[in-house]
Protein backbone atom coordinates (compact mmCIF):
# COMPACT_ATOMS: atom_id res chain seq x y z
CA UNK A 1 -43.31 -7.90 -24.96
CA UNK A 2 -39.77 -8.98 -24.20
CA UNK A 3 -39.20 -11.50 -21.48
CA UNK A 4 -37.76 -9.93 -18.34
CA UNK A 5 -34.53 -11.55 -17.22
CA UNK A 6 -33.90 -12.09 -13.55
CA UNK A 7 -31.03 -10.15 -12.08
CA UNK A 8 -27.86 -12.19 -11.73
CA UNK A 9 -25.61 -11.78 -8.73
CA UNK A 10 -21.86 -12.24 -8.99
CA UNK A 11 -19.46 -12.96 -6.18
CA UNK A 12 -16.60 -10.63 -5.40
CA UNK A 13 -14.18 -13.38 -6.43
CA UNK A 14 -15.83 -13.73 -9.83
CA UNK A 15 -15.68 -9.99 -10.40
CA UNK A 16 -12.01 -9.89 -9.40
CA UNK A 17 -11.19 -12.80 -11.71
CA UNK A 18 -13.07 -11.20 -14.58
CA UNK A 19 -11.19 -7.91 -14.15
CA UNK A 20 -7.88 -9.76 -13.81
CA UNK A 21 -8.64 -11.65 -17.02
CA UNK A 22 -9.39 -8.34 -18.72
CA UNK A 23 -6.27 -6.57 -17.47
CA UNK A 24 -3.82 -9.47 -17.83
CA UNK A 25 -5.23 -11.31 -20.83
CA UNK A 26 -4.40 -8.86 -23.58
CA UNK A 27 -7.93 -9.18 -24.92
CA UNK A 28 -10.40 -6.39 -25.43
CA UNK A 29 -13.26 -5.48 -23.15
CA UNK A 30 -15.97 -6.75 -25.49
CA UNK A 31 -14.15 -10.04 -26.13
CA UNK A 32 -13.72 -10.84 -22.42
CA UNK A 33 -17.30 -9.75 -21.67
CA UNK A 34 -18.63 -12.03 -24.41
CA UNK A 35 -16.55 -14.97 -23.15
CA UNK A 36 -17.95 -14.53 -19.65
CA UNK A 37 -21.51 -13.80 -20.76
CA UNK A 38 -21.47 -10.25 -19.41
CA UNK A 39 -22.36 -6.90 -20.85
CA UNK A 40 -19.43 -4.63 -21.70
CA UNK A 41 -20.90 -1.97 -19.43
CA UNK A 42 -20.93 -4.31 -16.43
CA UNK A 43 -17.35 -5.44 -16.97
CA UNK A 44 -16.26 -1.84 -17.50
CA UNK A 45 -17.91 -0.86 -14.21
CA UNK A 46 -16.13 -3.67 -12.37
CA UNK A 47 -12.82 -2.61 -13.92
CA UNK A 48 -13.37 0.97 -12.74
CA UNK A 49 -14.24 -0.19 -9.23
CA UNK A 50 -11.18 -2.43 -9.15
CA UNK A 51 -8.85 0.36 -10.27
CA UNK A 52 -10.38 2.82 -7.81
CA UNK A 53 -10.03 0.34 -4.95
CA UNK A 54 -6.44 -0.32 -5.97
CA UNK A 55 -5.60 3.37 -5.97
CA UNK A 56 -7.27 3.82 -2.58
CA UNK A 57 -5.26 0.90 -1.20
CA UNK A 58 -2.08 2.33 -2.71
CA UNK A 59 -2.83 5.72 -1.15
CA UNK A 60 -3.42 4.14 2.26
CA UNK A 61 -0.21 2.12 1.93
CA UNK A 62 1.76 5.22 0.93
CA UNK A 63 0.38 7.18 3.91
CA UNK A 64 1.29 4.33 6.26
CA UNK A 65 4.81 4.20 4.84
CA UNK A 66 5.20 7.98 5.20
CA UNK A 67 4.06 7.82 8.83
CA UNK A 68 6.50 4.99 9.53
CA UNK A 69 9.33 6.93 7.85
CA UNK A 70 8.54 9.99 9.93
CA UNK A 71 8.51 7.90 13.12
CA UNK A 72 11.83 6.32 12.24
CA UNK A 73 13.41 9.71 11.51
CA UNK A 74 12.33 10.97 14.94
CA UNK A 75 13.78 7.83 16.50
CA UNK A 76 17.09 8.30 14.65
CA UNK A 77 17.29 11.93 15.82
CA UNK A 78 16.62 10.91 19.42
CA UNK A 79 19.25 8.18 19.29
CA UNK A 80 21.82 10.54 17.75
CA UNK A 81 21.19 13.01 20.58
CA UNK A 82 21.59 10.25 23.16
CA UNK A 83 24.80 9.12 21.48
CA UNK A 84 26.21 12.66 21.58
CA UNK A 85 25.38 12.96 25.29
CA UNK A 86 27.05 9.63 26.02
CA UNK A 87 30.18 10.60 24.06
CA UNK A 88 30.45 13.84 26.02
CA UNK A 89 29.96 11.98 29.31
CA UNK A 90 32.63 9.44 28.35
CA UNK A 91 35.05 12.27 27.57
CA UNK A 92 34.38 13.90 30.96
CA UNK A 93 34.90 10.60 32.82
CA UNK A 94 38.03 9.82 30.81
CA UNK A 95 39.61 13.11 31.91
CA UNK A 96 38.65 12.52 35.52
CA UNK A 97 40.26 9.05 35.71
CA UNK A 98 43.80 10.15 34.77
CA UNK A 99 46.25 9.92 37.68
CA UNK A 100 47.16 13.23 39.22
CA UNK A 101 50.78 13.94 39.86
CA UNK A 102 51.65 15.83 42.89
């Protein structure tokens, strides 16, 4: 009967470095897995998790940026309205200050 291996645990940092090495190194999945002493399936799973987390982070970032853009557009509209009111008020006061002949 084959000897049962104990389950190894890897830190999040190790997983991230392994995936980075895979994505940035220009080497194939099996080559990187062999270098690190991992199975190709495990490294492939980590790569999938990393890409999914990255897309979730990108989605959250995009939503935050859209919310900020929307807030800024509302602020610009409010300021433009205030500016228009102030220009009209300045025009009214400018007419009222002129000396009256008579």
